[in-house]
PDB file of N, CA and C in Angstrom:
ATOM      1  N   MET A   1     -59.662 -40.210 -53.086  1.00  0.00           N
ATOM      2  CA  MET A   1     -59.223 -40.977 -54.232  1.00  0.00           C
ATOM      3  C   MET A   1     -57.804 -40.556 -54.594  1.00  0.00           C
ATOM      4  N   GLU A   2     -57.002 -41.522 -54.885  1.00  0.00           N
ATOM      5  CA  GLU A   2     -55.591 -41.268 -55.186  1.00  0.00           C
ATOM      6  C   GLU A   2     -55.429 -40.797 -56.637  1.00  0.00           C
ATOM      7  N   GLU A   3     -54.604 -39.768 -56.824  1.00  0.00           N
ATOM      8  CA  GLU A   3     -54.373 -39.233 -58.172  1.00  0.00           C
ATOM      9  C   GLU A   3     -53.409 -40.151 -58.921  1.00  0.00           C
ATOM     10  N   ARG A   4     -53.752 -40.422 -60.180  1.00  0.00           N
ATOM     11  CA  ARG A   4     -52.900 -41.281 -61.002  1.00  0.00           C
ATOM     12  C   ARG A   4     -51.632 -40.537 -61.391  1.00  0.00           C
ATOM     13  N   PRO A   5     -50.515 -41.255 -61.603  1.00  0.00           N
ATOM     14  CA  PRO A   5     -49.290 -40.593 -62.055  1.00  0.00           C
ATOM     15  C   PRO A   5     -49.507 -40.000 -63.452  1.00  0.00           C
ATOM     16  N   ALA A   6     -48.730 -38.985 -63.780  1.00  0.00           N
ATOM     17  CA  ALA A   6     -48.889 -38.274 -65.053  1.00  0.00           C
ATOM     18  C   ALA A   6     -48.837 -39.222 -66.245  1.00  0.00           C
ATOM     19  N   ILE A   7     -48.001 -40.227 -66.196  1.00  0.00           N
ATOM     20  CA  ILE A   7     -47.863 -41.141 -67.332  1.00  0.00           C
ATOM     21  C   ILE A   7     -49.120 -41.971 -67.564  1.00  0.00           C
ATOM     22  N   ALA A   8     -49.950 -42.101 -66.574  1.00  0.00           N
ATOM     23  CA  ALA A   8     -51.180 -42.886 -66.700  1.00  0.00           C
ATOM     24  C   ALA A   8     -52.382 -42.030 -67.084  1.00  0.00           C
ATOM     25  N   GLN A   9     -52.184 -40.733 -67.167  1.00  0.00           N
ATOM     26  CA  GLN A   9     -53.302 -39.843 -67.473  1.00  0.00           C
ATOM     27  C   GLN A   9     -53.467 -39.671 -68.981  1.00  0.00           C
ATOM     28  N   ARG A  10     -54.712 -39.678 -69.406  1.00  0.00           N
ATOM     29  CA  ARG A  10     -55.029 -39.512 -70.833  1.00  0.00           C
ATOM     30  C   ARG A  10     -54.506 -38.173 -71.356  1.00  0.00           C
ATOM     31  N   SER A  11     -54.598 -37.126 -70.556  1.00  0.00           N
ATOM     32  CA  SER A  11     -54.157 -35.800 -70.991  1.00  0.00           C
ATOM     33  C   SER A  11     -52.659 -35.783 -71.312  1.00  0.00           C
ATOM     34  N   THR A  12     -51.886 -36.553 -70.590  1.00  0.00           N
ATOM     35  CA  THR A  12     -50.449 -36.630 -70.868  1.00  0.00           C
ATOM     36  C   THR A  12     -50.207 -37.235 -72.240  1.00  0.00           C
ATOM     37  N   TRP A  13     -50.918 -38.315 -72.546  1.00  0.00           N
ATOM     38  CA  TRP A  13     -50.720 -38.974 -73.839  1.00  0.00           C
ATOM     39  C   TRP A  13     -51.262 -38.144 -74.995  1.00  0.00           C
ATOM     40  N   MET A  14     -52.325 -37.388 -74.752  1.00  0.00           N
ATOM     41  CA  MET A  14     -52.818 -36.477 -75.795  1.00  0.00           C
ATOM     42  C   MET A  14     -51.790 -35.392 -76.063  1.00  0.00           C
ATOM     43  N   ARG A  15     -51.143 -34.890 -74.998  1.00  0.00           N
ATOM     44  CA  ARG A  15     -50.112 -33.865 -75.173  1.00  0.00           C
ATOM     45  C   ARG A  15     -48.929 -34.452 -75.948  1.00  0.00           C
ATOM     46  N   VAL A  16     -48.549 -35.678 -75.665  1.00  0.00           N
ATOM     47  CA  VAL A  16     -47.460 -36.334 -76.408  1.00  0.00           C
ATOM     48  C   VAL A  16     -47.813 -36.397 -77.892  1.00  0.00           C
ATOM     49  N   PHE A  17     -49.032 -36.840 -78.195  1.00  0.00           N
ATOM     50  CA  PHE A  17     -49.478 -36.902 -79.582  1.00  0.00           C
ATOM     51  C   PHE A  17     -49.428 -35.527 -80.228  1.00  0.00           C
ATOM     52  N   HIS A  18     -49.960 -34.516 -79.545  1.00  0.00           N
ATOM     53  CA  HIS A  18     -49.993 -33.163 -80.104  1.00  0.00           C
ATOM     54  C   HIS A  18     -48.588 -32.598 -80.303  1.00  0.00           C
ATOM     55  N   VAL A  19     -47.696 -32.826 -79.362  1.00  0.00           N
ATOM     56  CA  VAL A  19     -46.323 -32.317 -79.500  1.00  0.00           C
ATOM     57  C   VAL A  19     -45.646 -32.960 -80.707  1.00  0.00           C
ATOM     58  N   ILE A  20     -45.809 -34.254 -80.888  1.00  0.00           N
ATOM     59  CA  ILE A  20     -45.209 -34.928 -82.048  1.00  0.00           C
ATOM     60  C   ILE A  20     -45.819 -34.400 -83.347  1.00  0.00           C
ATOM     61  N   PHE A  21     -47.140 -34.274 -83.376  1.00  0.00           N
ATOM     62  CA  PHE A  21     -47.809 -33.762 -84.575  1.00  0.00           C
ATOM     63  C   PHE A  21     -47.316 -32.352 -84.915  1.00  0.00           C
ATOM     64  N   PHE A  22     -47.293 -31.469 -83.924  1.00  0.00           N
ATOM     65  CA  PHE A  22     -46.901 -30.087 -84.192  1.00  0.00           C
ATOM     66  C   PHE A  22     -45.404 -29.959 -84.479  1.00  0.00           C
ATOM     67  N   ALA A  23     -44.589 -30.828 -83.925  1.00  0.00           N
ATOM     68  CA  ALA A  23     -43.159 -30.808 -84.252  1.00  0.00           C
ATOM     69  C   ALA A  23     -42.952 -31.170 -85.728  1.00  0.00           C
ATOM     70  N   LEU A  24     -43.700 -32.148 -86.206  1.00  0.00           N
ATOM     71  CA  LEU A  24     -43.619 -32.508 -87.627  1.00  0.00           C
ATOM     72  C   LEU A  24     -44.172 -31.385 -88.505  1.00  0.00           C
ATOM     73  N   LEU A  25     -45.286 -30.807 -88.100  1.00  0.00           N
ATOM     74  CA  LEU A  25     -45.866 -29.694 -88.842  1.00  0.00           C
ATOM     75  C   LEU A  25     -44.908 -28.508 -88.880  1.00  0.00           C
ATOM     76  N   PHE A  26     -44.200 -28.271 -87.787  1.00  0.00           N
ATOM     77  CA  PHE A  26     -43.210 -27.198 -87.734  1.00  0.00           C
ATOM     78  C   PHE A  26     -42.136 -27.392 -88.802  1.00  0.00           C
ATOM     79  N   GLN A  27     -41.707 -28.625 -88.995  1.00  0.00           N
ATOM     80  CA  GLN A  27     -40.696 -28.914 -90.018  1.00  0.00           C
ATOM     81  C   GLN A  27     -41.215 -28.574 -91.417  1.00  0.00           C
ATOM     82  N   ILE A  28     -42.464 -28.893 -91.677  1.00  0.00           N
ATOM     83  CA  ILE A  28     -43.076 -28.571 -92.971  1.00  0.00           C
ATOM     84  C   ILE A  28     -43.183 -27.057 -93.137  1.00  0.00           C
ATOM     85  N   LEU A  29     -43.616 -26.370 -92.079  1.00  0.00           N
ATOM     86  CA  LEU A  29     -43.721 -24.913 -92.126  1.00  0.00           C
ATOM     87  C   LEU A  29     -42.363 -24.257 -92.347  1.00  0.00           C
ATOM     88  N   GLU A  30     -41.342 -24.835 -91.759  1.00  0.00           N
ATOM     89  CA  GLU A  30     -39.991 -24.302 -91.930  1.00  0.00           C
ATOM     90  C   GLU A  30     -39.586 -24.317 -93.408  1.00  0.00           C
ATOM     91  N   LEU A  31     -39.881 -25.392 -94.091  1.00  0.00           N
ATOM     92  CA  LEU A  31     -39.585 -25.486 -95.521  1.00  0.00           C
ATOM     93  C   LEU A  31     -40.435 -24.500 -96.323  1.00  0.00           C
ATOM     94  N   ALA A  32     -41.708 -24.394 -95.967  1.00  0.00           N
ATOM     95  CA  ALA A  32     -42.595 -23.464 -96.669  1.00  0.00           C
ATOM     96  C   ALA A  32     -42.144 -22.015 -96.464  1.00  0.00           C
ATOM     97  N   LEU A  33     -41.720 -21.681 -95.256  1.00  0.00           N
ATOM     98  CA  LEU A  33     -41.231 -20.329 -94.984  1.00  0.00           C
ATOM     99  C   LEU A  33     -39.958 -20.041 -95.779  1.00  0.00           C
ATOM    100  N   ALA A  34     -39.090 -21.029 -95.898  1.00  0.00           N
ATOM    101  CA  ALA A  34     -37.867 -20.856 -96.697  1.00  0.00           C
ATOM    102  C   ALA A  34     -38.227 -20.612 -98.161  1.00  0.00           C
ATOM    103  N   LEU A  35     -39.207 -21.328 -98.661  1.00  0.00           N
ATOM    104  CA  LEU A  35     -39.658 -21.139-100.041  1.00  0.00           C
ATOM    105  C   LEU A  35     -40.228 -19.738-100.238  1.00  0.00           C
ATOM    106  N   VAL A  36     -41.047 -19.281 -99.303  1.00  0.00           N
ATOM    107  CA  VAL A  36     -41.609 -17.928 -99.375  1.00  0.00           C
ATOM    108  C   VAL A  36     -40.472 -16.900 -99.370  1.00  0.00           C
ATOM    109  N   ALA A  37     -39.483 -17.102 -98.522  1.00  0.00           N
ATOM    110  CA  ALA A  37     -38.360 -16.163 -98.440  1.00  0.00           C
ATOM    111  C   ALA A  37     -37.595 -16.099 -99.760  1.00  0.00           C
ATOM    112  N   VAL A  38     -37.360 -17.245-100.380  1.00  0.00           N
ATOM    113  CA  VAL A  38     -36.634 -17.280-101.660  1.00  0.00           C
ATOM    114  C   VAL A  38     -37.447 -16.589-102.754  1.00  0.00           C
ATOM    115  N   VAL A  39     -38.739 -16.868-102.817  1.00  0.00           N
ATOM    116  CA  VAL A  39     -39.585 -16.228-103.834  1.00  0.00           C
ATOM    117  C   VAL A  39     -39.628 -14.718-103.609  1.00  0.00           C
ATOM    118  N   GLN A  40     -39.725 -14.294-102.356  1.00  0.00           N
ATOM    119  CA  GLN A  40     -39.738 -12.858-102.068  1.00  0.00           C
ATOM    120  C   GLN A  40     -38.411 -12.203-102.463  1.00  0.00           C
ATOM    121  N   LEU A  41     -37.323 -12.888-102.217  1.00  0.00           N
ATOM    122  CA  LEU A  41     -36.017 -12.363-102.608  1.00  0.00           C
ATOM    123  C   LEU A  41     -35.918 -12.250-104.123  1.00  0.00           C
ATOM    124  N   LEU A  42     -36.360 -13.269-104.829  1.00  0.00           N
ATOM    125  CA  LEU A  42     -36.341 -13.228-106.292  1.00  0.00           C
ATOM    126  C   LEU A  42     -37.254 -12.125-106.821  1.00  0.00           C
ATOM    127  N   SER A  43     -38.396 -11.938-106.181  1.00  0.00           N
ATOM    128  CA  SER A  43     -39.298 -10.866-106.578  1.00  0.00           C
ATOM    129  C   SER A  43     -38.638  -9.511-106.374  1.00  0.00           C
ATOM    130  N   ARG A  44     -37.971  -9.361-105.256  1.00  0.00           N
ATOM    131  CA  ARG A  44     -37.274  -8.092-104.972  1.00  0.00           C
ATOM    132  C   ARG A  44     -36.208  -7.813-106.025  1.00  0.00           C
ATOM    133  N   ILE A  45     -35.490  -8.850-106.428  1.00  0.00           N
ATOM    134  CA  ILE A  45     -34.448  -8.692-107.449  1.00  0.00           C
ATOM    135  C   ILE A  45     -35.068  -8.394-108.809  1.00  0.00           C
ATOM    136  N   ALA A  46     -36.140  -9.124-109.151  1.00  0.00           N
ATOM    137  CA  ALA A  46     -36.730  -9.020-110.491  1.00  0.00           C
ATOM    138  C   ALA A  46     -37.558  -7.754-110.692  1.00  0.00           C
ATOM    139  N   VAL A  47     -38.406  -7.419-109.726  1.00  0.00           N
ATOM    140  CA  VAL A  47     -39.332  -6.294-109.928  1.00  0.00           C
ATOM    141  C   VAL A  47     -39.113  -5.142-108.949  1.00  0.00           C
ATOM    142  N   GLY A  48     -38.180  -5.305-108.022  1.00  0.00           N
ATOM    143  CA  GLY A  48     -37.845  -4.218-107.126  1.00  0.00           C
ATOM    144  C   GLY A  48     -38.605  -4.169-105.822  1.00  0.00           C
ATOM    145  N   HIS A  49     -39.560  -5.074-105.624  1.00  0.00           N
ATOM    146  CA  HIS A  49     -40.312  -5.107-104.369  1.00  0.00           C
ATOM    147  C   HIS A  49     -40.866  -6.503-104.144  1.00  0.00           C
ATOM    148  N   PRO A  50     -41.093  -6.859-102.876  1.00  0.00           N
ATOM    149  CA  PRO A  50     -41.677  -8.174-102.585  1.00  0.00           C
ATOM    150  C   PRO A  50     -43.162  -8.197-102.941  1.00  0.00           C
ATOM    151  N   LEU A  51     -43.699  -9.384-103.113  1.00  0.00           N
ATOM    152  CA  LEU A  51     -45.112  -9.559-103.418  1.00  0.00           C
ATOM    153  C   LEU A  51     -45.939  -9.401-102.141  1.00  0.00           C
ATOM    154  N   GLU A  52     -46.921  -8.524-102.160  1.00  0.00           N
ATOM    155  CA  GLU A  52     -47.719  -8.230-100.968  1.00  0.00           C
ATOM    156  C   GLU A  52     -48.476  -9.463-100.474  1.00  0.00           C
ATOM    157  N   GLU A  53     -48.992 -10.275-101.400  1.00  0.00           N
ATOM    158  CA  GLU A  53     -49.732 -11.477-101.001  1.00  0.00           C
ATOM    159  C   GLU A  53     -48.835 -12.428-100.217  1.00  0.00           C
ATOM    160  N   LEU A  54     -47.584 -12.576-100.678  1.00  0.00           N
ATOM    161  CA  LEU A  54     -46.660 -13.461 -99.967  1.00  0.00           C
ATOM    162  C   LEU A  54     -46.201 -12.836 -98.655  1.00  0.00           C
ATOM    163  N   SER A  55     -46.130 -11.522 -98.594  1.00  0.00           N
ATOM    164  CA  SER A  55     -45.792 -10.862 -97.329  1.00  0.00           C
ATOM    165  C   SER A  55     -46.873 -11.152 -96.297  1.00  0.00           C
ATOM    166  N   SER A  56     -48.119 -11.065 -96.723  1.00  0.00           N
ATOM    167  CA  SER A  56     -49.245 -11.360 -95.840  1.00  0.00           C
ATOM    168  C   SER A  56     -49.225 -12.828 -95.410  1.00  0.00           C
ATOM    169  N   LEU A  57     -48.982 -13.720 -96.345  1.00  0.00           N
ATOM    170  CA  LEU A  57     -48.883 -15.143 -96.030  1.00  0.00           C
ATOM    171  C   LEU A  57     -47.748 -15.387 -95.039  1.00  0.00           C
ATOM    172  N   GLY A  58     -46.617 -14.742 -95.260  1.00  0.00           N
ATOM    173  CA  GLY A  58     -45.478 -14.895 -94.357  1.00  0.00           C
ATOM    174  C   GLY A  58     -45.803 -14.446 -92.941  1.00  0.00           C
ATOM    175  N   ARG A  59     -46.541 -13.338 -92.798  1.00  0.00           N
ATOM    176  CA  ARG A  59     -46.943 -12.865 -91.468  1.00  0.00           C
ATOM    177  C   ARG A  59     -47.864 -13.877 -90.785  1.00  0.00           C
ATOM    178  N   ARG A  60     -48.812 -14.427 -91.536  1.00  0.00           N
ATOM    179  CA  ARG A  60     -49.731 -15.421 -90.946  1.00  0.00           C
ATOM    180  C   ARG A  60     -48.977 -16.688 -90.561  1.00  0.00           C
ATOM    181  N   MET A  61     -48.069 -17.119 -91.427  1.00  0.00           N
ATOM    182  CA  MET A  61     -47.280 -18.322 -91.125  1.00  0.00           C
ATOM    183  C   MET A  61     -46.393 -18.090 -89.904  1.00  0.00           C
ATOM    184  N   ALA A  62     -45.831 -16.899 -89.777  1.00  0.00           N
ATOM    185  CA  ALA A  62     -44.989 -16.579 -88.626  1.00  0.00           C
ATOM    186  C   ALA A  62     -45.800 -16.636 -87.331  1.00  0.00           C
ATOM    187  N   GLY A  63     -47.019 -16.096 -87.366  1.00  0.00           N
ATOM    188  CA  GLY A  63     -47.878 -16.142 -86.183  1.00  0.00           C
ATOM    189  C   GLY A  63     -48.245 -17.565 -85.801  1.00  0.00           C
ATOM    190  N   TYR A  64     -48.557 -18.375 -86.799  1.00  0.00           N
ATOM    191  CA  TYR A  64     -48.923 -19.765 -86.544  1.00  0.00           C
ATOM    192  C   TYR A  64     -47.721 -20.548 -86.019  1.00  0.00           C
ATOM    193  N   THR A  65     -46.557 -20.302 -86.607  1.00  0.00           N
ATOM    194  CA  THR A  65     -45.333 -20.955 -86.149  1.00  0.00           C
ATOM    195  C   THR A  65     -45.056 -20.584 -84.696  1.00  0.00           C
ATOM    196  N   HIS A  66     -45.273 -19.320 -84.358  1.00  0.00           N
ATOM    197  CA  HIS A  66     -45.092 -18.881 -82.972  1.00  0.00           C
ATOM    198  C   HIS A  66     -46.014 -19.655 -82.036  1.00  0.00           C
ATOM    199  N   ASP A  67     -47.273 -19.817 -82.434  1.00  0.00           N
ATOM    200  CA  ASP A  67     -48.229 -20.567 -81.613  1.00  0.00           C
ATOM    201  C   ASP A  67     -47.774 -22.011 -81.419  1.00  0.00           C
ATOM    202  N   ILE A  68     -47.261 -22.622 -82.483  1.00  0.00           N
ATOM    203  CA  ILE A  68     -46.790 -24.015 -82.404  1.00  0.00           C
ATOM    204  C   ILE A  68     -45.610 -24.128 -81.456  1.00  0.00           C
ATOM    205  N   VAL A  69     -44.627 -23.256 -81.620  1.00  0.00           N
ATOM    206  CA  VAL A  69     -43.437 -23.305 -80.768  1.00  0.00           C
ATOM    207  C   VAL A  69     -43.815 -23.088 -79.301  1.00  0.00           C
ATOM    208  N   ALA A  70     -44.700 -22.144 -79.040  1.00  0.00           N
ATOM    209  CA  ALA A  70     -45.134 -21.899 -77.661  1.00  0.00           C
ATOM    210  C   ALA A  70     -45.801 -23.141 -77.078  1.00  0.00           C
ATOM    211  N   TYR A  71     -46.587 -23.838 -77.874  1.00  0.00           N
ATOM    212  CA  TYR A  71     -47.281 -25.025 -77.375  1.00  0.00           C
ATOM    213  C   TYR A  71     -46.320 -26.188 -77.141  1.00  0.00           C
ATOM    214  N   ILE A  72     -45.454 -26.484 -78.102  1.00  0.00           N
ATOM    215  CA  ILE A  72     -44.595 -27.674 -77.950  1.00  0.00           C
ATOM    216  C   ILE A  72     -43.484 -27.472 -76.925  1.00  0.00           C
ATOM    217  N   THR A  73     -43.192 -26.220 -76.570  1.00  0.00           N
ATOM    218  CA  THR A  73     -42.195 -25.960 -75.535  1.00  0.00           C
ATOM    219  C   THR A  73     -42.839 -25.711 -74.171  1.00  0.00           C
ATOM    220  N   PHE A  74     -44.150 -25.903 -74.092  1.00  0.00           N
ATOM    221  CA  PHE A  74     -44.922 -25.746 -72.858  1.00  0.00           C
ATOM    222  C   PHE A  74     -44.941 -24.303 -72.358  1.00  0.00           C
ATOM    223  N   ALA A  75     -44.686 -23.350 -73.246  1.00  0.00           N
ATOM    224  CA  ALA A  75     -44.817 -21.937 -72.892  1.00  0.00           C
ATOM    225  C   ALA A  75     -46.283 -21.525 -72.934  1.00  0.00           C
ATOM    226  N   SER A  76     -47.110 -22.349 -73.577  1.00  0.00           N
ATOM    227  CA  SER A  76     -48.541 -22.077 -73.667  1.00  0.00           C
ATOM    228  C   SER A  76     -49.300 -23.388 -73.577  1.00  0.00           C
ATOM    229  N   GLU A  77     -50.445 -23.334 -72.953  1.00  0.00           N
ATOM    230  CA  GLU A  77     -51.331 -24.496 -72.896  1.00  0.00           C
ATOM    231  C   GLU A  77     -52.398 -24.423 -73.976  1.00  0.00           C
ATOM    232  N   GLU A  78     -52.414 -23.322 -74.733  1.00  0.00           N
ATOM    233  CA  GLU A  78     -53.414 -23.131 -75.781  1.00  0.00           C
ATOM    234  C   GLU A  78     -52.987 -23.896 -77.028  1.00  0.00           C
ATOM    235  N   ILE A  79     -53.756 -24.902 -77.368  1.00  0.00           N
ATOM    236  CA  ILE A  79     -53.405 -25.755 -78.499  1.00  0.00           C
ATOM    237  C   ILE A  79     -53.714 -25.034 -79.818  1.00  0.00           C
ATOM    238  N   PRO A  80     -52.774 -25.073 -80.755  1.00  0.00           N
ATOM    239  CA  PRO A  80     -52.991 -24.394 -82.036  1.00  0.00           C
ATOM    240  C   PRO A  80     -53.994 -25.121 -82.933  1.00  0.00           C
ATOM    241  N   PHE A  81     -54.430 -24.429 -83.973  1.00  0.00           N
ATOM    242  CA  PHE A  81     -55.259 -25.004 -85.032  1.00  0.00           C
ATOM    243  C   PHE A  81     -54.521 -26.212 -85.598  1.00  0.00           C
ATOM    244  N   PRO A  82     -55.104 -27.324 -85.924  1.00  0.00           N
ATOM    245  CA  PRO A  82     -56.522 -27.620 -86.075  1.00  0.00           C
ATOM    246  C   PRO A  82     -57.160 -28.261 -84.855  1.00  0.00           C
ATOM    247  N   PHE A  83     -56.463 -28.297 -83.712  1.00  0.00           N
ATOM    248  CA  PHE A  83     -57.013 -28.942 -82.521  1.00  0.00           C
ATOM    249  C   PHE A  83     -57.571 -27.956 -81.518  1.00  0.00           C
ATOM    250  N   ASP A  84     -57.560 -26.672 -81.840  1.00  0.00           N
ATOM    251  CA  ASP A  84     -58.062 -25.679 -80.907  1.00  0.00           C
ATOM    252  C   ASP A  84     -59.568 -25.827 -80.727  1.00  0.00           C
ATOM    253  N   GLU A  85     -60.067 -25.217 -79.694  1.00  0.00           N
ATOM    254  CA  GLU A  85     -61.488 -25.338 -79.356  1.00  0.00           C
ATOM    255  C   GLU A  85     -62.400 -24.711 -80.399  1.00  0.00           C
ATOM    256  N   THR A  86     -61.962 -23.619 -81.026  1.00  0.00           N
ATOM    257  CA  THR A  86     -62.824 -22.926 -81.977  1.00  0.00           C
ATOM    258  C   THR A  86     -62.830 -23.599 -83.341  1.00  0.00           C
ATOM    259  N   GLU A  87     -61.835 -24.443 -83.595  1.00  0.00           N
ATOM    260  CA  GLU A  87     -61.696 -25.128 -84.882  1.00  0.00           C
ATOM    261  C   GLU A  87     -61.774 -24.161 -86.057  1.00  0.00           C
ATOM    262  N   SER A  88     -61.093 -23.039 -85.924  1.00  0.00           N
ATOM    263  CA  SER A  88     -61.026 -22.071 -87.008  1.00  0.00           C
ATOM    264  C   SER A  88     -59.573 -21.891 -87.408  1.00  0.00           C
ATOM    265  N   ALA A  89     -59.375 -21.346 -88.584  1.00  0.00           N
ATOM    266  CA  ALA A  89     -58.024 -21.112 -89.074  1.00  0.00           C
ATOM    267  C   ALA A  89     -57.323 -20.112 -88.169  1.00  0.00           C
ATOM    268  N   PRO A  90     -55.974 -20.174 -88.118  1.00  0.00           N
ATOM    269  CA  PRO A  90     -55.250 -19.233 -87.278  1.00  0.00           C
ATOM    270  C   PRO A  90     -55.513 -17.790 -87.692  1.00  0.00           C
ATOM    271  N   ALA A  91     -55.658 -16.942 -86.709  1.00  0.00           N
ATOM    272  CA  ALA A  91     -55.918 -15.526 -86.991  1.00  0.00           C
ATOM    273  C   ALA A  91     -54.671 -14.862 -87.540  1.00  0.00           C
ATOM    274  N   ALA A  92     -54.881 -13.977 -88.467  1.00  0.00           N
ATOM    275  CA  ALA A  92     -53.760 -13.227 -89.027  1.00  0.00           C
ATOM    276  C   ALA A  92     -53.283 -12.225 -87.989  1.00  0.00           C
ATOM    277  N   PRO A  93     -51.969 -12.113 -87.826  1.00  0.00           N
ATOM    278  CA  PRO A  93     -51.470 -11.118 -86.895  1.00  0.00           C
ATOM    279  C   PRO A  93     -51.769  -9.707 -87.386  1.00  0.00           C
ATOM    280  N   ARG A  94     -51.644  -8.775 -86.489  1.00  0.00           N
ATOM    281  CA  ARG A  94     -51.907  -7.386 -86.816  1.00  0.00           C
ATOM    282  C   ARG A  94     -51.029  -6.947 -87.987  1.00  0.00           C
ATOM    283  N   GLU A  95     -51.642  -6.279 -88.935  1.00  0.00           N
ATOM    284  CA  GLU A  95     -50.923  -5.790 -90.108  1.00  0.00           C
ATOM    285  C   GLU A  95     -50.001  -4.646 -89.717  1.00  0.00           C
ATOM    286  N   GLU A  96     -48.777  -4.707 -90.209  1.00  0.00           N
ATOM    287  CA  GLU A  96     -47.846  -3.617 -89.992  1.00  0.00           C
ATOM    288  C   GLU A  96     -47.972  -2.638 -91.139  1.00  0.00           C
ATOM    289  N   PRO A  97     -47.697  -1.364 -90.884  1.00  0.00           N
ATOM    290  CA  PRO A  97     -47.772  -0.407 -91.986  1.00  0.00           C
ATOM    291  C   PRO A  97     -46.746  -0.758 -93.052  1.00  0.00           C
ATOM    292  N   PRO A  98     -47.108  -0.601 -94.321  1.00  0.00           N
ATOM    293  CA  PRO A  98     -46.171  -0.950 -95.380  1.00  0.00           C
ATOM    294  C   PRO A  98     -44.956  -0.041 -95.353  1.00  0.00           C
ATOM    295  N   GLU A  99     -43.818  -0.643 -95.664  1.00  0.00           N
ATOM    296  CA  GLU A  99     -42.593   0.141 -95.746  1.00  0.00           C
ATOM    297  C   GLU A  99     -42.615   0.933 -97.056  1.00  0.00           C
ATOM    298  N   SER A 100     -42.022   2.099 -97.009  1.00  0.00           N
ATOM    299  CA  SER A 100     -41.955   2.866 -98.240  1.00  0.00           C
ATOM    300  C   SER A 100     -40.916   2.251 -99.149  1.00  0.00           C
ATOM    301  N   VAL A 101     -41.263   2.113-100.404  1.00  0.00           N
ATOM    302  CA  VAL A 101     -40.378   1.504-101.382  1.00  0.00           C
ATOM    303  C   VAL A 101     -39.652   2.617-102.107  1.00  0.00           C
ATOM    304  N   THR A 102     -38.326   2.559-102.045  1.00  0.00           N
ATOM    305  CA  THR A 102     -37.526   3.555-102.757  1.00  0.00           C
ATOM    306  C   THR A 102     -36.941   2.924-103.995  1.00  0.00           C
ATOM    307  N   THR A 103     -36.897   3.677-105.042  1.00  0.00           N
ATOM    308  CA  THR A 103     -36.348   3.149-106.293  1.00  0.00           C
ATOM    309  C   THR A 103     -35.058   3.803-106.626  1.00  0.00           C
TER     310      THR A 103
END
């Protein structure tokens, strides 16, 4: 049986859909990350340290953004949430030890 050209394969069109979806999602994440960065900067100015909850959120968003970029640039075939096989939220990256805060 003759193999169909890539453009005629369903998997190609699903990848096109996913790349467009994740490229748009990346743009939204970019704005959200900028907002987190501004709030963290304001927190640092106002109270002398960043907010731990937002630091944790920033780490998770960075990991998810990495997964998206790897997928849309074909560096990975593993599709990110919400289309992944496990249908679970993205895993939080490994926690880094907190930096010592000097006053």
